[in-house]
Amino acid sequence: MEKGNTVKFSEIGVFDVLERTKAFGQQLQENKEQRLWKKINIPCNLFDTVNGLSKNEMIRIRINLDLKNLSSLKKAELASELVELIPLKLKKVTPADRNP
């Protein structure tokens, strides 16, 4: 094989790898957006919304709201607890006698 042909094959290989990498990056971005922008049914309620989350998303909520003693729960149990505890936590954050 001539040296010139080797260079051409290498250039073609590099361009092919770059195109595949670009396509893979686009697919990763699309998958990320699908996870972030989930379909919801309107009207929705807290139970349906929380149940549509992944367990990792529920765990982040638990941590951010500083909810204790929930780390050993399974996904369905954690969802039920969050549905009960989130409104209680929000009552502490928002004043009950707000004047519009």
Protein backbone atom coordinates (compact mmCIF):
# COMPACT_ATOMS: atom_id res chain seq x y z
CA MET A 1 0.00 0.00 0.00
CA GLU A 2 1.30 3.44 -0.87
CA LYS A 3 1.86 6.11 1.74
CA GLY A 4 -0.63 8.45 0.01
CA ASN A 5 -3.44 5.89 0.27
CA THR A 6 -2.76 5.38 3.97
CA VAL A 7 -3.22 9.09 4.61
CA LYS A 8 -6.50 9.15 2.68
CA PHE A 9 -7.85 6.15 4.61
CA SER A 10 -6.79 7.76 7.87
CA GLU A 11 -8.52 11.04 6.96
CA ILE A 12 -11.70 9.18 6.03
CA GLY A 13 -11.50 7.24 9.31
CA VAL A 14 -11.07 10.43 11.35
CA PHE A 15 -14.01 12.13 9.65
CA ASP A 16 -16.15 9.03 10.20
CA VAL A 17 -15.24 8.96 13.88
CA LEU A 18 -16.01 12.69 14.20
CA GLU A 19 -19.42 12.26 12.55
CA ARG A 20 -20.28 9.31 14.78
CA THR A 21 -19.15 11.23 17.86
CA LYS A 22 -21.30 14.18 16.86
CA ALA A 23 -24.34 11.95 16.30
CA PHE A 24 -23.75 10.23 19.65
CA GLY A 25 -23.52 13.61 21.42
CA GLN A 26 -26.79 14.71 19.83
CA GLN A 27 -28.49 11.48 20.94
CA LEU A 28 -27.22 11.98 24.50
CA GLN A 29 -28.60 15.53 24.50
CA GLU A 30 -31.99 14.35 23.22
CA ASN A 31 -32.14 11.66 25.91
CA LYS A 32 -31.26 14.20 28.60
CA GLU A 33 -34.00 16.57 27.42
CA GLN A 34 -36.55 13.75 27.39
CA ARG A 35 -35.68 12.97 31.02
CA LEU A 36 -35.89 16.63 32.02
CA TRP A 37 -39.07 17.52 30.13
CA LYS A 38 -41.48 14.76 31.02
CA LYS A 39 -45.04 14.69 29.82
CA ILE A 40 -47.59 15.48 32.46
CA ASN A 41 -51.34 15.25 32.40
CA ILE A 42 -53.21 18.45 33.15
CA PRO A 43 -54.69 18.85 35.67
CA CYS A 44 -52.08 17.09 37.75
CA ASN A 45 -51.71 16.45 41.43
CA LEU A 46 -48.74 16.01 43.71
CA PHE A 47 -49.16 12.23 43.91
CA ASP A 48 -49.07 11.76 40.12
CA THR A 49 -46.19 14.19 39.75
CA VAL A 50 -44.03 12.57 42.43
CA ASN A 51 -44.80 9.07 41.15
CA GLY A 52 -43.57 10.13 37.69
CA LEU A 53 -40.13 10.93 39.06
CA SER A 54 -37.20 8.56 39.18
CA LYS A 55 -36.04 7.39 42.59
CA ASN A 56 -32.88 9.50 42.22
CA GLU A 57 -35.02 12.59 41.62
CA MET A 58 -37.07 11.77 44.72
CA ILE A 59 -33.88 11.33 46.74
CA ARG A 60 -32.68 14.78 45.65
CA ILE A 61 -35.99 16.27 46.79
CA ARG A 62 -35.68 14.46 50.12
CA ILE A 63 -32.17 15.79 50.61
CA ASN A 64 -33.02 19.35 49.52
CA LEU A 65 -36.00 19.47 51.88
CA ASP A 66 -33.90 17.92 54.66
CA LEU A 67 -36.37 15.08 55.22
CA LYS A 68 -34.89 12.51 57.60
CA ASN A 69 -35.34 8.75 58.06
CA LEU A 70 -36.46 8.05 54.49
CA SER A 71 -33.25 6.73 52.95
CA SER A 72 -34.10 3.04 53.30
CA LEU A 73 -37.50 3.27 51.59
CA LYS A 74 -38.32 1.72 48.25
CA LYS A 75 -39.44 3.99 45.42
CA ALA A 76 -43.20 3.61 45.99
CA GLU A 77 -42.82 4.09 49.74
CA LEU A 78 -40.62 7.15 49.24
CA ALA A 79 -43.16 8.62 46.82
CA SER A 80 -45.97 8.20 49.35
CA GLU A 81 -43.91 9.81 52.11
CA LEU A 82 -42.92 12.73 49.89
CA VAL A 83 -46.57 13.34 48.98
CA GLU A 84 -47.36 13.58 52.69
CA LEU A 85 -44.29 15.58 53.75
CA ILE A 86 -43.84 18.12 50.95
CA PRO A 87 -46.99 20.12 51.82
CA LEU A 88 -46.00 20.14 55.51
CA LYS A 89 -42.53 21.38 54.62
CA LEU A 90 -43.98 24.10 52.37
CA LYS A 91 -46.29 25.31 55.14
CA LYS A 92 -43.16 26.07 57.17
CA VAL A 93 -41.68 28.04 54.26
CA THR A 94 -44.71 30.10 53.22
CA PRO A 95 -46.51 32.33 55.68
CA ALA A 96 -50.13 31.29 56.30
CA ASP A 97 -51.47 34.84 56.48
CA ARG A 98 -50.11 36.30 53.26
CA ASN A 99 -51.80 39.47 52.09
CA PRO A 100 -52.09 39.62 48.28
